[in-house]
Amino acid sequence: MKKSTKGLIVGSLVSAGGAALATAAIKKKKGDDAEVIEDTDMRNSKKIDQRESPDADKADEEKGLTELDHAYRAEWSANGFPQTHQAMEELKEEGEDDK
């Protein structure tokens, strides 16, 4: 075999090995997403959706809300979502009246 052919084969093998290592490293990096401690992520906690809002005794609009609802309340207000069951019922009635 010629020296150039051997060099081509060795170079191809080294390139293929490098590509395989790079692919494995990328897959490993994608799998190592940020670790979240179980109970600190409120979206995955069932307890936080059962406890009463911390401001329920201070503000009337917080009564009947859970801690999770309390956390999302500002976003709901900004997007115009109804805050109470009464407001939801009023919106339903308005929708039925419009028909």
PDB file of N, CA and C in Angstrom:
ATOM      1  N   MET A   1       0.840  -1.178   0.000  1.00  0.00           N
ATOM      2  CA  MET A   1       0.000   0.000   0.000  1.00  0.00           C
ATOM      3  C   MET A   1       0.880   1.235   0.000  1.00  0.00           C
ATOM      4  N   LYS A   2       0.440   2.209  -0.713  1.00  0.00           N
ATOM      5  CA  LYS A   2       1.205   3.441  -0.784  1.00  0.00           C
ATOM      6  C   LYS A   2       1.101   4.203   0.532  1.00  0.00           C
ATOM      7  N   LYS A   3       2.085   5.020   0.756  1.00  0.00           N
ATOM      8  CA  LYS A   3       2.124   5.824   1.976  1.00  0.00           C
ATOM      9  C   LYS A   3       0.945   6.804   2.014  1.00  0.00           C
ATOM     10  N   SER A   4       0.557   7.355   0.879  1.00  0.00           N
ATOM     11  CA  SER A   4      -0.554   8.315   0.834  1.00  0.00           C
ATOM     12  C   SER A   4      -1.894   7.634   1.128  1.00  0.00           C
ATOM     13  N   THR A   5      -2.047   6.382   0.697  1.00  0.00           N
ATOM     14  CA  THR A   5      -3.277   5.637   0.963  1.00  0.00           C
ATOM     15  C   THR A   5      -3.399   5.343   2.453  1.00  0.00           C
ATOM     16  N   LYS A   6      -2.276   4.927   3.069  1.00  0.00           N
ATOM     17  CA  LYS A   6      -2.280   4.668   4.510  1.00  0.00           C
ATOM     18  C   LYS A   6      -2.619   5.947   5.277  1.00  0.00           C
ATOM     19  N   GLY A   7      -2.055   7.049   4.862  1.00  0.00           N
ATOM     20  CA  GLY A   7      -2.332   8.331   5.514  1.00  0.00           C
ATOM     21  C   GLY A   7      -3.795   8.720   5.389  1.00  0.00           C
ATOM     22  N   LEU A   8      -4.380   8.443   4.224  1.00  0.00           N
ATOM     23  CA  LEU A   8      -5.789   8.749   3.998  1.00  0.00           C
ATOM     24  C   LEU A   8      -6.680   7.899   4.906  1.00  0.00           C
ATOM     25  N   ILE A   9      -6.362   6.618   5.029  1.00  0.00           N
ATOM     26  CA  ILE A   9      -7.149   5.718   5.879  1.00  0.00           C
ATOM     27  C   ILE A   9      -7.018   6.116   7.346  1.00  0.00           C
ATOM     28  N   VAL A  10      -5.817   6.372   7.806  1.00  0.00           N
ATOM     29  CA  VAL A  10      -5.598   6.777   9.199  1.00  0.00           C
ATOM     30  C   VAL A  10      -6.306   8.108   9.476  1.00  0.00           C
ATOM     31  N   GLY A  11      -6.198   9.033   8.561  1.00  0.00           N
ATOM     32  CA  GLY A  11      -6.861  10.328   8.724  1.00  0.00           C
ATOM     33  C   GLY A  11      -8.369  10.192   8.799  1.00  0.00           C
ATOM     34  N   SER A  12      -8.919   9.303   7.974  1.00  0.00           N
ATOM     35  CA  SER A  12     -10.366   9.061   7.986  1.00  0.00           C
ATOM     36  C   SER A  12     -10.809   8.461   9.315  1.00  0.00           C
ATOM     37  N   LEU A  13     -10.023   7.496   9.818  1.00  0.00           N
ATOM     38  CA  LEU A  13     -10.356   6.873  11.101  1.00  0.00           C
ATOM     39  C   LEU A  13     -10.288   7.877  12.249  1.00  0.00           C
ATOM     40  N   VAL A  14      -9.273   8.715  12.235  1.00  0.00           N
ATOM     41  CA  VAL A  14      -9.137   9.734  13.283  1.00  0.00           C
ATOM     42  C   VAL A  14     -10.304  10.718  13.211  1.00  0.00           C
ATOM     43  N   SER A  15     -10.680  11.111  12.010  1.00  0.00           N
ATOM     44  CA  SER A  15     -11.807  12.039  11.838  1.00  0.00           C
ATOM     45  C   SER A  15     -13.112  11.414  12.322  1.00  0.00           C
ATOM     46  N   ALA A  16     -13.342  10.150  11.980  1.00  0.00           N
ATOM     47  CA  ALA A  16     -14.562   9.464  12.404  1.00  0.00           C
ATOM     48  C   ALA A  16     -14.604   9.330  13.924  1.00  0.00           C
ATOM     49  N   GLY A  17     -13.463   9.007  14.524  1.00  0.00           N
ATOM     50  CA  GLY A  17     -13.398   8.907  15.985  1.00  0.00           C
ATOM     51  C   GLY A  17     -13.666  10.244  16.650  1.00  0.00           C
ATOM     52  N   GLY A  18     -13.107  11.305  16.094  1.00  0.00           N
ATOM     53  CA  GLY A  18     -13.340  12.644  16.640  1.00  0.00           C
ATOM     54  C   GLY A  18     -14.799  13.047  16.539  1.00  0.00           C
ATOM     55  N   ALA A  19     -15.428  12.717  15.418  1.00  0.00           N
ATOM     56  CA  ALA A  19     -16.847  13.035  15.240  1.00  0.00           C
ATOM     57  C   ALA A  19     -17.704  12.261  16.240  1.00  0.00           C
ATOM     58  N   ALA A  20     -17.350  10.985  16.475  1.00  0.00           N
ATOM     59  CA  ALA A  20     -18.095  10.177  17.440  1.00  0.00           C
ATOM     60  C   ALA A  20     -17.951  10.748  18.847  1.00  0.00           C
ATOM     61  N   LEU A  21     -16.747  11.153  19.216  1.00  0.00           N
ATOM     62  CA  LEU A  21     -16.535  11.748  20.540  1.00  0.00           C
ATOM     63  C   LEU A  21     -17.292  13.067  20.686  1.00  0.00           C
ATOM     64  N   ALA A  22     -17.279  13.878  19.643  1.00  0.00           N
ATOM     65  CA  ALA A  22     -17.989  15.159  19.687  1.00  0.00           C
ATOM     66  C   ALA A  22     -19.493  14.940  19.831  1.00  0.00           C
ATOM     67  N   THR A  23     -20.032  13.971  19.101  1.00  0.00           N
ATOM     68  CA  THR A  23     -21.457  13.662  19.188  1.00  0.00           C
ATOM     69  C   THR A  23     -21.818  13.183  20.588  1.00  0.00           C
ATOM     70  N   ALA A  24     -20.997  12.319  21.165  1.00  0.00           N
ATOM     71  CA  ALA A  24     -21.253  11.824  22.519  1.00  0.00           C
ATOM     72  C   ALA A  24     -21.207  12.962  23.534  1.00  0.00           C
ATOM     73  N   ALA A  25     -20.255  13.871  23.373  1.00  0.00           N
ATOM     74  CA  ALA A  25     -20.142  15.002  24.301  1.00  0.00           C
ATOM     75  C   ALA A  25     -21.354  15.921  24.200  1.00  0.00           C
ATOM     76  N   ILE A  26     -21.843  16.148  22.992  1.00  0.00           N
ATOM     77  CA  ILE A  26     -23.023  17.004  22.811  1.00  0.00           C
ATOM     78  C   ILE A  26     -24.256  16.360  23.431  1.00  0.00           C
ATOM     79  N   LYS A  27     -24.429  15.050  23.220  1.00  0.00           N
ATOM     80  CA  LYS A  27     -25.575  14.350  23.813  1.00  0.00           C
ATOM     81  C   LYS A  27     -25.516  14.401  25.331  1.00  0.00           C
ATOM     82  N   LYS A  28     -24.334  14.224  25.894  1.00  0.00           N
ATOM     83  CA  LYS A  28     -24.185  14.266  27.346  1.00  0.00           C
ATOM     84  C   LYS A  28     -24.493  15.664  27.869  1.00  0.00           C
ATOM     85  N   LYS A  29     -24.040  16.667  27.160  1.00  0.00           N
ATOM     86  CA  LYS A  29     -24.274  18.051  27.589  1.00  0.00           C
ATOM     87  C   LYS A  29     -25.762  18.383  27.551  1.00  0.00           C
ATOM     88  N   LYS A  30     -26.468  17.921  26.533  1.00  0.00           N
ATOM     89  CA  LYS A  30     -27.910  18.164  26.438  1.00  0.00           C
ATOM     90  C   LYS A  30     -28.659  17.452  27.557  1.00  0.00           C
ATOM     91  N   GLY A  31     -28.189  16.299  27.969  1.00  0.00           N
ATOM     92  CA  GLY A  31     -28.838  15.539  29.029  1.00  0.00           C
ATOM     93  C   GLY A  31     -28.616  16.137  30.403  1.00  0.00           C
ATOM     94  N   ASP A  32     -27.603  16.975  30.559  1.00  0.00           N
ATOM     95  CA  ASP A  32     -27.296  17.569  31.855  1.00  0.00           C
ATOM     96  C   ASP A  32     -27.975  18.923  32.009  1.00  0.00           C
ATOM     97  N   ASP A  33     -29.301  18.948  31.879  1.00  0.00           N
ATOM     98  CA  ASP A  33     -30.025  20.202  32.085  1.00  0.00           C
ATOM     99  C   ASP A  33     -29.899  20.615  33.540  1.00  0.00           C
ATOM    100  N   ALA A  34     -30.273  21.820  33.815  1.00  0.00           N
ATOM    101  CA  ALA A  34     -30.182  22.347  35.173  1.00  0.00           C
ATOM    102  C   ALA A  34     -30.973  21.456  36.125  1.00  0.00           C
ATOM    103  N   GLU A  35     -30.327  21.068  37.186  1.00  0.00           N
ATOM    104  CA  GLU A  35     -30.996  20.230  38.163  1.00  0.00           C
ATOM    105  C   GLU A  35     -31.857  21.098  39.063  1.00  0.00           C
ATOM    106  N   VAL A  36     -33.060  20.614  39.353  1.00  0.00           N
ATOM    107  CA  VAL A  36     -33.988  21.343  40.205  1.00  0.00           C
ATOM    108  C   VAL A  36     -34.283  20.476  41.413  1.00  0.00           C
ATOM    109  N   ILE A  37     -34.132  21.048  42.580  1.00  0.00           N
ATOM    110  CA  ILE A  37     -34.469  20.318  43.796  1.00  0.00           C
ATOM    111  C   ILE A  37     -35.983  20.156  43.816  1.00  0.00           C
ATOM    112  N   GLU A  38     -36.452  18.982  44.170  1.00  0.00           N
ATOM    113  CA  GLU A  38     -37.854  18.592  44.046  1.00  0.00           C
ATOM    114  C   GLU A  38     -38.857  19.643  44.517  1.00  0.00           C
ATOM    115  N   ASP A  39     -38.784  20.059  45.760  1.00  0.00           N
ATOM    116  CA  ASP A  39     -39.825  20.930  46.307  1.00  0.00           C
ATOM    117  C   ASP A  39     -39.590  22.419  46.085  1.00  0.00           C
ATOM    118  N   THR A  40     -38.469  22.821  45.522  1.00  0.00           N
ATOM    119  CA  THR A  40     -38.243  24.247  45.331  1.00  0.00           C
ATOM    120  C   THR A  40     -38.853  24.759  44.032  1.00  0.00           C
ATOM    121  N   ASP A  41     -39.196  23.876  43.124  1.00  0.00           N
ATOM    122  CA  ASP A  41     -39.856  24.286  41.889  1.00  0.00           C
ATOM    123  C   ASP A  41     -41.355  24.246  42.136  1.00  0.00           C
ATOM    124  N   MET A  42     -41.963  25.417  42.312  1.00  0.00           N
ATOM    125  CA  MET A  42     -43.357  25.466  42.730  1.00  0.00           C
ATOM    126  C   MET A  42     -44.303  24.890  41.686  1.00  0.00           C
ATOM    127  N   ARG A  43     -43.921  24.859  40.429  1.00  0.00           N
ATOM    128  CA  ARG A  43     -44.812  24.318  39.412  1.00  0.00           C
ATOM    129  C   ARG A  43     -44.997  22.814  39.575  1.00  0.00           C
ATOM    130  N   ASN A  44     -44.039  22.133  40.185  1.00  0.00           N
ATOM    131  CA  ASN A  44     -44.125  20.689  40.361  1.00  0.00           C
ATOM    132  C   ASN A  44     -44.569  20.298  41.762  1.00  0.00           C
ATOM    133  N   SER A  45     -44.905  21.273  42.593  1.00  0.00           N
ATOM    134  CA  SER A  45     -45.257  20.981  43.973  1.00  0.00           C
ATOM    135  C   SER A  45     -46.769  20.967  44.151  1.00  0.00           C
ATOM    136  N   LYS A  46     -47.280  19.863  44.676  1.00  0.00           N
ATOM    137  CA  LYS A  46     -48.720  19.782  44.938  1.00  0.00           C
ATOM    138  C   LYS A  46     -49.072  20.506  46.233  1.00  0.00           C
ATOM    139  N   LYS A  47     -48.116  20.578  47.162  1.00  0.00           N
ATOM    140  CA  LYS A  47     -48.374  21.242  48.441  1.00  0.00           C
ATOM    141  C   LYS A  47     -48.668  22.724  48.248  1.00  0.00           C
ATOM    142  N   ILE A  48     -47.919  23.366  47.378  1.00  0.00           N
ATOM    143  CA  ILE A  48     -48.066  24.813  47.195  1.00  0.00           C
ATOM    144  C   ILE A  48     -49.407  25.154  46.549  1.00  0.00           C
ATOM    145  N   ASP A  49     -50.004  24.198  45.845  1.00  0.00           N
ATOM    146  CA  ASP A  49     -51.307  24.434  45.231  1.00  0.00           C
ATOM    147  C   ASP A  49     -52.442  24.092  46.191  1.00  0.00           C
ATOM    148  N   GLN A  50     -52.109  23.722  47.431  1.00  0.00           N
ATOM    149  CA  GLN A  50     -53.132  23.429  48.431  1.00  0.00           C
ATOM    150  C   GLN A  50     -53.110  24.429  49.579  1.00  0.00           C
ATOM    151  N   ARG A  51     -51.948  25.038  49.827  1.00  0.00           N
ATOM    152  CA  ARG A  51     -51.839  26.018  50.908  1.00  0.00           C
ATOM    153  C   ARG A  51     -52.483  27.337  50.519  1.00  0.00           C
ATOM    154  N   GLU A  52     -53.057  28.011  51.511  1.00  0.00           N
ATOM    155  CA  GLU A  52     -53.698  29.299  51.275  1.00  0.00           C
ATOM    156  C   GLU A  52     -52.663  30.368  50.950  1.00  0.00           C
ATOM    157  N   SER A  53     -53.076  31.340  50.176  1.00  0.00           N
ATOM    158  CA  SER A  53     -52.204  32.452  49.800  1.00  0.00           C
ATOM    159  C   SER A  53     -51.672  33.158  51.042  1.00  0.00           C
ATOM    160  N   PRO A  54     -50.404  33.547  51.050  1.00  0.00           N
ATOM    161  CA  PRO A  54     -49.839  34.214  52.225  1.00  0.00           C
ATOM    162  C   PRO A  54     -50.461  35.588  52.491  1.00  0.00           C
ATOM    163  N   ASP A  55     -51.066  36.201  51.487  1.00  0.00           N
ATOM    164  CA  ASP A  55     -51.684  37.517  51.661  1.00  0.00           C
ATOM    165  C   ASP A  55     -53.197  37.439  51.818  1.00  0.00           C
ATOM    166  N   ALA A  56     -53.742  36.245  52.065  1.00  0.00           N
ATOM    167  CA  ALA A  56     -55.191  36.090  52.160  1.00  0.00           C
ATOM    168  C   ALA A  56     -55.778  36.904  53.311  1.00  0.00           C
ATOM    169  N   ASP A  57     -55.040  37.047  54.406  1.00  0.00           N
ATOM    170  CA  ASP A  57     -55.556  37.818  55.542  1.00  0.00           C
ATOM    171  C   ASP A  57     -55.369  39.320  55.348  1.00  0.00           C
ATOM    172  N   LYS A  58     -54.559  39.731  54.379  1.00  0.00           N
ATOM    173  CA  LYS A  58     -54.268  41.151  54.162  1.00  0.00           C
ATOM    174  C   LYS A  58     -55.097  41.759  53.035  1.00  0.00           C
ATOM    175  N   ALA A  59     -55.387  41.000  52.001  1.00  0.00           N
ATOM    176  CA  ALA A  59     -56.081  41.548  50.830  1.00  0.00           C
ATOM    177  C   ALA A  59     -57.293  40.689  50.484  1.00  0.00           C
ATOM    178  N   ASP A  60     -58.424  41.344  50.249  1.00  0.00           N
ATOM    179  CA  ASP A  60     -59.650  40.615  49.921  1.00  0.00           C
ATOM    180  C   ASP A  60     -59.522  39.829  48.618  1.00  0.00           C
ATOM    181  N   GLU A  61     -58.816  40.386  47.640  1.00  0.00           N
ATOM    182  CA  GLU A  61     -58.697  39.697  46.353  1.00  0.00           C
ATOM    183  C   GLU A  61     -57.826  38.446  46.432  1.00  0.00           C
ATOM    184  N   GLU A  62     -57.109  38.267  47.535  1.00  0.00           N
ATOM    185  CA  GLU A  62     -56.267  37.082  47.718  1.00  0.00           C
ATOM    186  C   GLU A  62     -57.028  35.951  48.404  1.00  0.00           C
ATOM    187  N   LYS A  63     -58.195  36.235  48.969  1.00  0.00           N
ATOM    188  CA  LYS A  63     -58.964  35.197  49.668  1.00  0.00           C
ATOM    189  C   LYS A  63     -59.418  34.149  48.666  1.00  0.00           C
ATOM    190  N   GLY A  64     -59.242  32.903  49.041  1.00  0.00           N
ATOM    191  CA  GLY A  64     -59.633  31.803  48.174  1.00  0.00           C
ATOM    192  C   GLY A  64     -58.560  31.384  47.186  1.00  0.00           C
ATOM    193  N   LEU A  65     -57.444  32.101  47.153  1.00  0.00           N
ATOM    194  CA  LEU A  65     -56.356  31.733  46.253  1.00  0.00           C
ATOM    195  C   LEU A  65     -55.337  30.863  46.984  1.00  0.00           C
ATOM    196  N   THR A  66     -54.665  30.004  46.250  1.00  0.00           N
ATOM    197  CA  THR A  66     -53.590  29.203  46.824  1.00  0.00           C
ATOM    198  C   THR A  66     -52.275  29.942  46.633  1.00  0.00           C
ATOM    199  N   GLU A  67     -51.200  29.386  47.204  1.00  0.00           N
ATOM    200  CA  GLU A  67     -49.880  30.015  47.033  1.00  0.00           C
ATOM    201  C   GLU A  67     -49.474  30.053  45.558  1.00  0.00           C
ATOM    202  N   LEU A  68     -49.811  29.010  44.826  1.00  0.00           N
ATOM    203  CA  LEU A  68     -49.486  28.977  43.401  1.00  0.00           C
ATOM    204  C   LEU A  68     -50.274  30.054  42.654  1.00  0.00           C
ATOM    205  N   ASP A  69     -51.563  30.180  42.993  1.00  0.00           N
ATOM    206  CA  ASP A  69     -52.378  31.231  42.382  1.00  0.00           C
ATOM    207  C   ASP A  69     -51.817  32.606  42.719  1.00  0.00           C
ATOM    208  N   HIS A  70     -51.368  32.770  43.958  1.00  0.00           N
ATOM    209  CA  HIS A  70     -50.778  34.039  44.399  1.00  0.00           C
ATOM    210  C   HIS A  70     -49.556  34.378  43.541  1.00  0.00           C
ATOM    211  N   ALA A  71     -48.755  33.367  43.244  1.00  0.00           N
ATOM    212  CA  ALA A  71     -47.541  33.595  42.454  1.00  0.00           C
ATOM    213  C   ALA A  71     -47.875  34.018  41.022  1.00  0.00           C
ATOM    214  N   TYR A  72     -48.955  33.476  40.472  1.00  0.00           N
ATOM    215  CA  TYR A  72     -49.331  33.783  39.092  1.00  0.00           C
ATOM    216  C   TYR A  72     -50.311  34.949  38.971  1.00  0.00           C
ATOM    217  N   ARG A  73     -50.764  35.498  40.081  1.00  0.00           N
ATOM    218  CA  ARG A  73     -51.804  36.531  40.067  1.00  0.00           C
ATOM    219  C   ARG A  73     -51.403  37.760  39.254  1.00  0.00           C
ATOM    220  N   ALA A  74     -50.183  38.226  39.385  1.00  0.00           N
ATOM    221  CA  ALA A  74     -49.739  39.407  38.646  1.00  0.00           C
ATOM    222  C   ALA A  74     -49.799  39.146  37.137  1.00  0.00           C
ATOM    223  N   GLU A  75     -49.430  37.948  36.736  1.00  0.00           N
ATOM    224  CA  GLU A  75     -49.478  37.602  35.313  1.00  0.00           C
ATOM    225  C   GLU A  75     -50.921  37.551  34.824  1.00  0.00           C
ATOM    226  N   TRP A  76     -51.818  36.996  35.654  1.00  0.00           N
ATOM    227  CA  TRP A  76     -53.229  36.940  35.280  1.00  0.00           C
ATOM    228  C   TRP A  76     -53.786  38.349  35.113  1.00  0.00           C
ATOM    229  N   SER A  77     -53.433  39.230  36.033  1.00  0.00           N
ATOM    230  CA  SER A  77     -53.921  40.612  35.962  1.00  0.00           C
ATOM    231  C   SER A  77     -53.422  41.289  34.692  1.00  0.00           C
ATOM    232  N   ALA A  78     -52.177  41.086  34.378  1.00  0.00           N
ATOM    233  CA  ALA A  78     -51.599  41.714  33.190  1.00  0.00           C
ATOM    234  C   ALA A  78     -52.259  41.212  31.910  1.00  0.00           C
ATOM    235  N   ASN A  79     -52.672  39.954  31.908  1.00  0.00           N
ATOM    236  CA  ASN A  79     -53.281  39.368  30.713  1.00  0.00           C
ATOM    237  C   ASN A  79     -54.801  39.459  30.710  1.00  0.00           C
ATOM    238  N   GLY A  80     -55.385  40.005  31.786  1.00  0.00           N
ATOM    239  CA  GLY A  80     -56.830  40.203  31.837  1.00  0.00           C
ATOM    240  C   GLY A  80     -57.636  38.967  32.167  1.00  0.00           C
ATOM    241  N   PHE A  81     -57.040  37.956  32.784  1.00  0.00           N
ATOM    242  CA  PHE A  81     -57.794  36.778  33.186  1.00  0.00           C
ATOM    243  C   PHE A  81     -58.637  37.106  34.412  1.00  0.00           C
ATOM    244  N   PRO A  82     -59.823  36.501  34.548  1.00  0.00           N
ATOM    245  CA  PRO A  82     -60.652  36.759  35.729  1.00  0.00           C
ATOM    246  C   PRO A  82     -59.958  36.245  36.991  1.00  0.00           C
ATOM    247  N   GLN A  83     -60.124  36.986  38.080  1.00  0.00           N
ATOM    248  CA  GLN A  83     -59.430  36.664  39.323  1.00  0.00           C
ATOM    249  C   GLN A  83     -60.253  35.779  40.256  1.00  0.00           C
ATOM    250  N   THR A  84     -61.562  35.812  40.151  1.00  0.00           N
ATOM    251  CA  THR A  84     -62.407  35.069  41.084  1.00  0.00           C
ATOM    252  C   THR A  84     -63.411  34.228  40.310  1.00  0.00           C
ATOM    253  N   HIS A  85     -64.040  33.301  41.036  1.00  0.00           N
ATOM    254  CA  HIS A  85     -65.090  32.495  40.420  1.00  0.00           C
ATOM    255  C   HIS A  85     -66.273  33.377  40.037  1.00  0.00           C
ATOM    256  N   GLN A  86     -66.541  34.382  40.859  1.00  0.00           N
ATOM    257  CA  GLN A  86     -67.634  35.304  40.568  1.00  0.00           C
ATOM    258  C   GLN A  86     -67.375  36.031  39.244  1.00  0.00           C
ATOM    259  N   ALA A  87     -66.162  36.485  39.044  1.00  0.00           N
ATOM    260  CA  ALA A  87     -65.819  37.170  37.793  1.00  0.00           C
ATOM    261  C   ALA A  87     -65.944  36.225  36.605  1.00  0.00           C
ATOM    262  N   MET A  88     -65.584  34.964  36.804  1.00  0.00           N
ATOM    263  CA  MET A  88     -65.713  33.986  35.726  1.00  0.00           C
ATOM    264  C   MET A  88     -67.181  33.776  35.370  1.00  0.00           C
ATOM    265  N   GLU A  89     -68.041  33.681  36.398  1.00  0.00           N
ATOM    266  CA  GLU A  89     -69.472  33.507  36.163  1.00  0.00           C
ATOM    267  C   GLU A  89     -70.048  34.712  35.425  1.00  0.00           C
ATOM    268  N   GLU A  90     -69.619  35.917  35.821  1.00  0.00           N
ATOM    269  CA  GLU A  90     -70.102  37.127  35.153  1.00  0.00           C
ATOM    270  C   GLU A  90     -69.705  37.127  33.677  1.00  0.00           C
ATOM    271  N   LEU A  91     -68.484  36.696  33.390  1.00  0.00           N
ATOM    272  CA  LEU A  91     -68.042  36.628  31.998  1.00  0.00           C
ATOM    273  C   LEU A  91     -68.847  35.602  31.202  1.00  0.00           C
ATOM    274  N   LYS A  92     -69.181  34.469  31.847  1.00  0.00           N
ATOM    275  CA  LYS A  92     -69.993  33.458  31.172  1.00  0.00           C
ATOM    276  C   LYS A  92     -71.370  34.016  30.846  1.00  0.00           C
ATOM    277  N   GLU A  93     -71.966  34.723  31.832  1.00  0.00           N
ATOM    278  CA  GLU A  93     -73.292  35.302  31.622  1.00  0.00           C
ATOM    279  C   GLU A  93     -73.257  36.349  30.509  1.00  0.00           C
ATOM    280  N   GLU A  94     -72.214  37.164  30.477  1.00  0.00           N
ATOM    281  CA  GLU A  94     -72.081  38.167  29.415  1.00  0.00           C
ATOM    282  C   GLU A  94     -71.982  37.488  28.053  1.00  0.00           C
ATOM    283  N   GLY A  95     -71.248  36.390  28.003  1.00  0.00           N
ATOM    284  CA  GLY A  95     -71.103  35.655  26.752  1.00  0.00           C
ATOM    285  C   GLY A  95     -72.413  35.053  26.289  1.00  0.00           C
ATOM    286  N   GLU A  96     -73.218  34.557  27.234  1.00  0.00           N
ATOM    287  CA  GLU A  96     -74.510  33.977  26.883  1.00  0.00           C
ATOM    288  C   GLU A  96     -75.489  35.062  26.461  1.00  0.00           C
ATOM    289  N   ASP A  97     -75.398  36.234  27.094  1.00  0.00           N
ATOM    290  CA  ASP A  97     -76.284  37.348  26.742  1.00  0.00           C
ATOM    291  C   ASP A  97     -75.990  37.863  25.341  1.00  0.00           C
ATOM    292  N   ASP A  98     -74.730  37.782  24.920  1.00  0.00           N
ATOM    293  CA  ASP A  98     -74.339  38.281  23.604  1.00  0.00           C
ATOM    294  C   ASP A  98     -74.863  37.402  22.470  1.00  0.00           C
ATOM    295  N   LYS A  99     -75.189  36.160  22.772  1.00  0.00           N
ATOM    296  CA  LYS A  99     -75.633  35.225  21.723  1.00  0.00           C
ATOM    297  C   LYS A  99     -77.013  35.517  21.278  1.00  0.00           C
TER     298      LYS A  99
END
